[in-house]
Amino acid sequence: MGKKKDIRGLSIKNWKVVAILLATVILLLGALTLGLYLGGFRYLQVSYLIAPENTAETVTFMGFINKDGSIKKGNISCTGDKKGSVTALDDGQYKIVYSEGDVYVGQMDGLQRSGKGEMTYAGGDHYVGDFFADRIHGTGVFTYADGDVYEGSFAGGKKSGQGKYTWVFADGTSGAVYEGAFKNDKRNGYGVFTATDGTVYKGYFVNDRREDSTAEVLIPTAAGTDRYYGGYANDVRQGFGYYFYATGDVYIGQFENNKPHGKGAIYFIGGGSYKGTFEQGNISKDDAEEIPESEVKDDLEDLDPDKNPFDPVLPVSPSVSDESKPDGSASQEPTVSEEPTVSQEGELSPSTEENQGEESDAQ
């Protein structure tokens, strides 16, 4: 018969040593854990419902808290892989330094920015104002890296409500200014836009574009200030409107792409007024019907260049047919303001004097 294999294990004495070592490690770990806990160390994970999107956001904190449950110091991370370190300051505020270089200093509610605060972005943007549910929310001032400034209301991190946006040139001087309603980070609703050349638009906006049927526009020219009252679509004069030139001439009728287009009437202060169909600012003298001076006086006597004729009523000139009411058709990019003249070719046409008042808004 073969010899049995000798199988040996740890002796009872050795097992006792191992057991003592394991017990010691467990006790040390327990004591360390208890010490950390009593010292305020916590690992917290909280889910928040973010309005108005109604989306869930999970915030994780690992670090030390005070006896009252407020944060003392630690690391914080949010849904979307946004991470940073948070430290309580002596004045009851907190400082969060995010991994991408953004820095927040201000109040917190639980694990979220909430209350008054200041945000400095790594890209150069800067915000001071209200926060709620970890979003810019309330009123504040947002200064962009390029120098532009928005001051007003925010909702859910976006410009929303009443506010003022100032475009700033590279040398620091102010350019165009918009003051009025915002929604979803864009101009939406009634507002007043002042362009860099002094042109003033008073009317409604839809998604950053001028859209209105009774807008009021003041346009500086070499001769003085032109005034336009009427339709706007896709950021240009469109539909029915009144154009009072600084020279005293008046156009009443349809517009398209900033120019008289469609049924209309042009009244020259020096005499020789016409009505007919305009095409991109021109009307053939052969097709134009001259308006008698007696009718000119009747058409214009109730009109005041300093008052919007749409308020409170719409005094459409009898010399302009019903076809000249607004149609709200689409349009192209804006062009310069024009004043009518009689060309040598026998057509009524606008002059080519430039006016920058109808330039597109800087973004």
Protein backbone atom coordinates (compact mmCIF):
# COMPACT_ATOMS: atom_id res chain seq x y z
CA MET A 1 0.00 0.00 0.00
CA GLY A 2 1.13 3.56 -0.75
CA LYS A 3 2.03 6.05 1.95
CA LYS A 4 -0.73 8.56 2.89
CA LYS A 5 -0.17 12.17 1.91
CA ASP A 6 0.54 14.43 4.89
CA ILE A 7 -1.90 17.33 4.86
CA ARG A 8 -1.25 20.00 7.40
CA GLY A 9 -3.12 23.24 8.25
CA LEU A 10 -2.54 26.05 10.65
CA SER A 11 -2.19 25.04 14.20
CA ILE A 12 -4.70 26.20 16.77
CA LYS A 13 -2.12 28.64 18.06
CA ASN A 14 -1.63 30.18 14.61
CA TRP A 15 -5.39 30.45 14.09
CA LYS A 16 -5.65 32.42 17.28
CA VAL A 17 -3.04 34.90 16.02
CA VAL A 18 -4.94 35.39 12.74
CA ALA A 19 -8.23 35.83 14.57
CA ILE A 20 -6.70 38.43 16.86
CA LEU A 21 -5.25 40.32 13.90
CA LEU A 22 -8.60 40.31 12.05
CA ALA A 23 -10.44 41.44 15.13
CA THR A 24 -7.91 44.22 15.64
CA VAL A 25 -8.33 45.41 12.03
CA ILE A 26 -12.12 45.37 12.37
CA LEU A 27 -11.95 47.28 15.63
CA LEU A 28 -9.60 49.83 14.12
CA LEU A 29 -11.81 50.27 11.08
CA GLY A 30 -14.85 50.57 13.30
CA ALA A 31 -13.11 53.10 15.51
CA LEU A 32 -11.97 55.05 12.45
CA THR A 33 -15.46 55.01 10.96
CA LEU A 34 -16.97 56.07 14.27
CA GLY A 35 -14.37 58.78 14.61
CA LEU A 36 -15.07 60.09 11.11
CA TYR A 37 -18.80 60.00 11.74
CA LEU A 38 -18.50 61.79 15.06
CA GLY A 39 -16.19 64.27 13.32
CA GLY A 40 -18.94 65.04 10.81
CA PHE A 41 -17.83 62.99 7.82
CA ARG A 42 -20.73 62.03 5.56
CA TYR A 43 -21.45 60.54 2.17
CA LEU A 44 -24.73 61.98 0.93
CA GLN A 45 -26.68 61.47 -2.28
CA VAL A 46 -29.80 63.56 -2.85
CA SER A 47 -32.15 63.70 -5.85
CA TYR A 48 -33.88 66.97 -6.76
CA LEU A 49 -36.71 67.64 -9.20
CA ILE A 50 -35.67 70.59 -11.34
CA ALA A 51 -38.38 72.92 -12.67
CA PRO A 52 -39.55 73.90 -15.21
CA GLU A 53 -38.07 70.92 -17.07
CA ASN A 54 -39.30 68.54 -14.34
CA THR A 55 -36.11 66.55 -14.70
CA ALA A 56 -34.39 64.69 -11.86
CA GLU A 57 -30.90 65.75 -10.82
CA THR A 58 -28.77 63.78 -8.39
CA VAL A 59 -26.23 65.61 -6.23
CA THR A 60 -23.54 63.69 -4.36
CA PHE A 61 -21.50 65.07 -1.47
CA MET A 62 -18.59 63.44 0.34
CA GLY A 63 -16.94 65.39 3.12
CA PHE A 64 -17.55 66.97 6.50
CA ILE A 65 -20.67 68.66 7.80
CA ASN A 66 -21.37 70.78 10.87
CA LYS A 67 -23.56 69.73 13.81
CA ASP A 68 -26.48 71.64 12.33
CA GLY A 69 -26.22 69.60 9.11
CA SER A 70 -24.69 72.36 7.00
CA ILE A 71 -21.71 71.71 4.76
CA LYS A 72 -18.25 72.30 6.21
CA LYS A 73 -15.91 71.02 3.52
CA GLY A 74 -15.91 68.33 0.88
CA ASN A 75 -16.42 67.33 -2.72
CA ILE A 76 -19.64 67.69 -4.65
CA SER A 77 -20.80 66.28 -7.98
CA CYS A 78 -23.97 66.74 -9.99
CA THR A 79 -25.76 65.02 -12.85
CA GLY A 80 -23.86 65.70 -16.05
CA ASP A 81 -20.43 65.01 -14.56
CA LYS A 82 -20.11 68.48 -13.03
CA LYS A 83 -17.75 68.19 -10.07
CA GLY A 84 -16.08 70.51 -7.61
CA SER A 85 -14.90 71.15 -4.10
CA VAL A 86 -17.04 73.09 -1.64
CA THR A 87 -15.89 74.98 1.45
CA ALA A 88 -17.89 76.92 4.04
CA LEU A 89 -16.76 80.53 4.52
CA ASP A 90 -16.84 82.53 7.75
CA ASP A 91 -19.70 84.80 6.64
CA GLY A 92 -22.24 82.02 6.16
CA GLN A 93 -21.50 81.70 2.48
CA TYR A 94 -19.86 78.90 0.52
CA LYS A 95 -17.23 78.62 -2.14
CA ILE A 96 -17.43 75.99 -4.86
CA VAL A 97 -14.51 75.53 -7.22
CA TYR A 98 -15.60 73.39 -10.16
CA SER A 99 -13.25 71.10 -12.05
CA GLU A 100 -13.55 73.15 -15.27
CA GLY A 101 -12.45 76.31 -13.47
CA ASP A 102 -15.80 77.98 -12.69
CA VAL A 103 -16.08 79.45 -9.18
CA TYR A 104 -19.22 80.10 -7.12
CA VAL A 105 -19.31 82.18 -3.95
CA GLY A 106 -22.64 82.60 -2.21
CA GLN A 107 -25.47 81.01 -0.31
CA MET A 108 -26.57 77.38 -0.46
CA ASP A 109 -29.66 75.41 0.48
CA GLY A 110 -28.66 71.85 1.22
CA LEU A 111 -26.44 70.74 -1.64
CA GLN A 112 -27.65 73.38 -4.11
CA ARG A 113 -26.77 76.99 -4.87
CA SER A 114 -29.69 79.05 -3.62
CA GLY A 115 -30.06 82.67 -2.53
CA LYS A 116 -27.59 85.46 -3.31
CA GLY A 117 -24.41 84.47 -5.08
CA GLU A 118 -21.67 85.26 -7.54
CA MET A 119 -20.51 83.05 -10.38
CA THR A 120 -17.19 83.55 -12.18
CA TYR A 121 -16.85 81.40 -15.28
CA ALA A 122 -13.57 80.10 -16.65
CA GLY A 123 -14.47 81.48 -20.08
CA GLY A 124 -14.70 85.05 -18.79
CA ASP A 125 -18.45 85.41 -18.10
CA HIS A 126 -19.53 86.74 -14.71
CA TYR A 127 -22.87 86.78 -12.86
CA VAL A 128 -24.00 88.39 -9.62
CA GLY A 129 -27.54 87.90 -8.34
CA ASP A 130 -30.14 85.37 -7.31
CA PHE A 131 -29.93 81.58 -7.47
CA PHE A 132 -32.57 78.94 -6.84
CA ALA A 133 -32.42 75.14 -7.12
CA ASP A 134 -28.82 75.36 -8.37
CA ARG A 135 -29.85 77.62 -11.28
CA ILE A 136 -29.56 81.34 -11.99
CA HIS A 137 -33.08 82.37 -11.05
CA GLY A 138 -34.50 85.73 -9.95
CA THR A 139 -32.80 89.04 -10.70
CA GLY A 140 -29.16 89.72 -11.38
CA VAL A 141 -26.47 91.12 -13.65
CA PHE A 142 -24.73 88.88 -16.20
CA THR A 143 -21.59 90.27 -17.83
CA TYR A 144 -20.39 88.33 -20.86
CA ALA A 145 -16.76 87.75 -21.74
CA ASP A 146 -17.06 90.06 -24.76
CA GLY A 147 -18.29 92.91 -22.55
CA ASP A 148 -22.04 92.72 -23.22
CA VAL A 149 -24.21 93.14 -20.12
CA TYR A 150 -27.67 91.84 -19.25
CA GLU A 151 -29.40 93.06 -16.11
CA GLY A 152 -32.85 91.84 -15.22
CA SER A 153 -34.87 88.71 -14.56
CA PHE A 154 -33.88 85.07 -15.01
CA ALA A 155 -35.84 81.83 -14.81
CA GLY A 156 -34.23 78.41 -14.75
CA GLY A 157 -30.86 79.74 -15.90
CA LYS A 158 -32.26 81.75 -18.83
CA LYS A 159 -33.10 85.40 -19.41
CA SER A 160 -36.83 85.61 -18.78
CA GLY A 161 -39.06 88.51 -17.76
CA GLN A 162 -38.12 92.17 -17.90
CA GLY A 163 -34.51 93.07 -18.55
CA LYS A 164 -31.97 95.31 -20.25
CA TYR A 165 -29.30 94.06 -22.65
CA THR A 166 -26.42 96.34 -23.64
CA TRP A 167 -24.05 95.47 -26.46
CA VAL A 168 -20.53 96.76 -25.73
CA PHE A 169 -17.77 97.54 -28.23
CA ALA A 170 -14.22 96.25 -27.87
CA ASP A 171 -13.09 99.62 -26.49
CA GLY A 172 -15.65 99.35 -23.67
CA THR A 173 -18.13 101.92 -24.99
CA SER A 174 -21.82 101.04 -25.08
CA GLY A 175 -23.44 100.21 -28.40
CA ALA A 176 -26.97 99.05 -29.06
CA VAL A 177 -29.40 98.69 -26.14
CA TYR A 178 -32.58 96.63 -25.74
CA GLU A 179 -34.92 97.09 -22.81
CA GLY A 180 -38.07 95.01 -22.50
CA ALA A 181 -39.42 91.48 -22.28
CA PHE A 182 -37.38 88.26 -22.52
CA LYS A 183 -38.36 84.60 -22.61
CA ASN A 184 -36.17 81.52 -23.01
CA ASP A 185 -33.01 83.63 -23.36
CA LYS A 186 -34.41 85.68 -26.27
CA ARG A 187 -36.25 88.94 -26.75
CA ASN A 188 -39.93 87.99 -26.70
CA GLY A 189 -42.73 90.49 -26.12
CA TYR A 190 -42.75 94.28 -26.09
CA GLY A 191 -39.46 96.13 -25.96
CA VAL A 192 -37.49 99.19 -27.04
CA PHE A 193 -34.37 98.65 -29.13
CA THR A 194 -31.93 101.51 -29.71
CA ALA A 195 -29.38 100.83 -32.45
CA THR A 196 -25.84 102.17 -32.46
CA ASP A 197 -26.77 104.95 -34.90
CA GLY A 198 -29.65 106.15 -32.73
CA THR A 199 -32.52 104.39 -34.50
CA VAL A 200 -35.22 103.50 -31.97
CA TYR A 201 -37.68 100.64 -32.46
CA LYS A 202 -40.67 100.39 -30.12
CA GLY A 203 -42.70 97.26 -30.58
CA TYR A 204 -42.92 93.52 -30.19
CA PHE A 205 -40.27 90.84 -30.67
CA VAL A 206 -40.62 87.12 -31.35
CA ASN A 207 -37.49 85.01 -30.74
CA ASP A 208 -35.15 87.99 -31.16
CA ARG A 209 -36.84 89.21 -34.35
CA ARG A 210 -38.97 92.34 -34.70
CA GLU A 211 -42.57 91.23 -35.29
CA ASP A 212 -45.43 93.73 -34.97
CA SER A 213 -48.29 95.32 -36.90
CA THR A 214 -48.22 98.76 -35.24
CA ALA A 215 -44.57 99.34 -34.38
CA GLU A 216 -43.07 102.80 -33.93
CA VAL A 217 -39.59 103.54 -35.31
CA LEU A 218 -37.50 106.72 -35.19
CA ILE A 219 -34.74 106.79 -37.83
CA PRO A 220 -32.07 109.53 -37.82
CA THR A 221 -31.06 110.81 -41.27
CA ALA A 222 -29.01 113.68 -42.65
CA ALA A 223 -32.23 115.69 -43.06
CA GLY A 224 -33.52 114.99 -39.54
CA THR A 225 -35.56 112.12 -38.12
CA ASP A 226 -37.75 109.86 -40.23
CA ARG A 227 -40.67 108.17 -38.48
CA TYR A 228 -42.27 104.86 -39.38
CA TYR A 229 -45.45 103.42 -37.91
CA GLY A 230 -46.68 100.03 -39.04
CA GLY A 231 -45.89 96.43 -39.70
CA TYR A 232 -42.72 94.45 -39.06
CA ALA A 233 -42.05 90.83 -39.92
CA ASN A 234 -38.82 88.86 -39.72
CA ASP A 235 -36.98 92.00 -38.54
CA VAL A 236 -37.92 94.29 -41.47
CA ARG A 237 -40.71 96.69 -42.40
CA GLN A 238 -43.47 94.49 -43.79
CA GLY A 239 -47.19 95.00 -44.39
CA PHE A 240 -49.14 98.23 -44.04
CA GLY A 241 -47.47 101.31 -42.63
CA TYR A 242 -46.94 105.08 -42.54
CA TYR A 243 -43.53 106.57 -43.32
CA PHE A 244 -43.02 110.23 -42.44
CA TYR A 245 -39.80 111.59 -43.95
CA ALA A 246 -37.86 114.34 -42.21
CA THR A 247 -38.34 116.46 -45.36
CA GLY A 248 -42.12 116.43 -44.85
CA ASP A 249 -42.93 113.84 -47.53
CA VAL A 250 -45.23 110.99 -46.51
CA TYR A 251 -45.75 107.45 -47.82
CA ILE A 252 -48.84 105.47 -46.81
CA GLY A 253 -49.27 101.90 -47.97
CA GLN A 254 -47.72 98.47 -48.21
CA PHE A 255 -44.10 97.59 -47.43
CA GLU A 256 -41.97 94.58 -48.21
CA ASN A 257 -38.36 94.07 -47.18
CA ASN A 258 -38.19 97.66 -45.86
CA LYS A 259 -39.38 99.21 -49.15
CA PRO A 260 -42.74 100.50 -50.42
CA HIS A 261 -44.19 97.50 -52.21
CA GLY A 262 -47.83 96.97 -53.18
CA LYS A 263 -50.67 99.50 -53.09
CA GLY A 264 -49.63 102.86 -51.72
CA ALA A 265 -49.61 106.62 -52.00
CA ILE A 266 -46.68 109.05 -51.88
CA TYR A 267 -47.25 112.64 -50.86
CA PHE A 268 -44.51 115.14 -51.82
CA ILE A 269 -44.41 118.32 -49.79
CA GLY A 270 -43.40 120.26 -52.89
CA GLY A 271 -46.42 119.00 -54.83
CA GLY A 272 -47.01 116.12 -57.22
CA SER A 273 -48.45 113.29 -55.13
CA TYR A 274 -49.24 109.88 -56.58
CA LYS A 275 -50.97 106.64 -55.76
CA GLY A 276 -50.66 103.25 -57.38
CA THR A 277 -48.75 100.00 -57.16
CA PHE A 278 -45.16 100.10 -55.92
CA GLU A 279 -42.54 97.49 -56.65
CA GLN A 280 -39.55 97.48 -54.28
CA GLY A 281 -39.79 101.24 -53.76
CA ASN A 282 -40.56 102.26 -57.36
CA ILE A 283 -43.74 103.25 -59.13
CA SER A 284 -43.87 103.89 -62.84
CA LYS A 285 -45.03 107.43 -63.57
CA ASP A 286 -47.04 106.06 -66.51
CA ASP A 287 -48.97 103.78 -64.13
CA ALA A 288 -49.22 106.25 -61.27
CA GLU A 289 -52.38 108.23 -60.65
CA GLU A 290 -51.82 111.79 -59.52
CA ILE A 291 -53.64 112.79 -56.35
CA PRO A 292 -55.40 116.17 -56.54
CA GLU A 293 -54.12 118.74 -54.04
CA SER A 294 -57.58 118.93 -52.46
CA GLU A 295 -57.42 115.22 -51.65
CA VAL A 296 -53.85 115.52 -50.38
CA LYS A 297 -54.97 118.02 -47.77
CA ASP A 298 -57.85 115.77 -46.69
CA ASP A 299 -55.61 112.67 -46.55
CA LEU A 300 -52.95 114.25 -44.37
CA GLU A 301 -54.82 116.70 -42.15
CA ASP A 302 -55.38 114.20 -39.29
CA LEU A 303 -51.85 112.79 -39.38
CA ASP A 304 -49.16 113.95 -36.95
CA PRO A 305 -45.63 112.64 -37.55
CA ASP A 306 -45.02 112.66 -33.79
CA LYS A 307 -48.01 110.42 -33.03
CA ASN A 308 -48.59 106.80 -33.92
CA PRO A 309 -51.66 106.83 -36.22
CA PHE A 310 -52.56 103.32 -35.04
CA ASP A 311 -53.30 104.70 -31.57
CA PRO A 312 -56.20 104.78 -30.93
CA VAL A 313 -57.59 104.40 -34.47
CA LEU A 314 -56.22 103.53 -37.91
CA PRO A 315 -56.83 106.54 -40.23
CA VAL A 316 -56.15 104.84 -43.58
CA SER A 317 -55.75 107.38 -46.36
CA PRO A 318 -58.78 107.45 -48.72
CA SER A 319 -56.28 107.54 -51.58
CA VAL A 320 -55.04 104.05 -50.64
CA SER A 321 -57.29 101.12 -51.49
CA ASP A 322 -58.36 98.39 -49.03
CA GLU A 323 -55.73 96.14 -50.61
CA SER A 324 -53.08 98.09 -48.68
CA LYS A 325 -53.97 96.54 -45.33
CA PRO A 326 -51.33 94.31 -43.70
CA ASP A 327 -50.80 90.87 -45.23
CA GLY A 328 -47.99 89.65 -42.94
CA SER A 329 -46.00 87.97 -45.71
CA ALA A 330 -42.39 86.86 -45.25
CA SER A 331 -39.38 89.08 -45.83
CA GLN A 332 -35.63 89.17 -46.29
CA GLU A 333 -32.79 90.98 -44.55
CA PRO A 334 -33.22 94.71 -43.86
CA THR A 335 -31.93 97.46 -46.13
CA VAL A 336 -31.40 101.19 -45.75
CA SER A 337 -34.13 103.76 -45.24
CA GLU A 338 -35.17 105.58 -48.38
CA GLU A 339 -36.77 108.89 -49.31
CA PRO A 340 -38.83 109.16 -52.51
CA THR A 341 -37.73 111.27 -55.45
CA VAL A 342 -38.83 111.56 -59.07
CA SER A 343 -36.17 110.01 -61.29
CA GLN A 344 -35.19 111.28 -64.72
CA GLU A 345 -36.40 108.05 -66.28
CA GLY A 346 -39.97 109.00 -65.47
CA GLU A 347 -40.39 106.81 -62.38
CA LEU A 348 -41.06 107.60 -58.76
CA SER A 349 -38.15 106.00 -56.94
CA PRO A 350 -36.37 106.24 -53.58
CA SER A 351 -33.09 108.06 -53.26
CA THR A 352 -29.91 106.10 -52.53
CA GLU A 353 -28.94 108.04 -49.39
CA GLU A 354 -27.86 105.49 -46.81
CA ASN A 355 -29.32 105.18 -43.35
CA GLN A 356 -27.99 102.64 -40.90
CA GLY A 357 -31.03 102.79 -38.67
CA GLU A 358 -32.49 99.56 -40.00
CA GLU A 359 -29.41 97.42 -39.43
CA SER A 360 -29.84 94.00 -37.87
CA ASP A 361 -29.32 93.75 -34.12
CA ALA A 362 -25.87 92.76 -32.89
CA GLN A 363 -25.96 89.46 -31.01
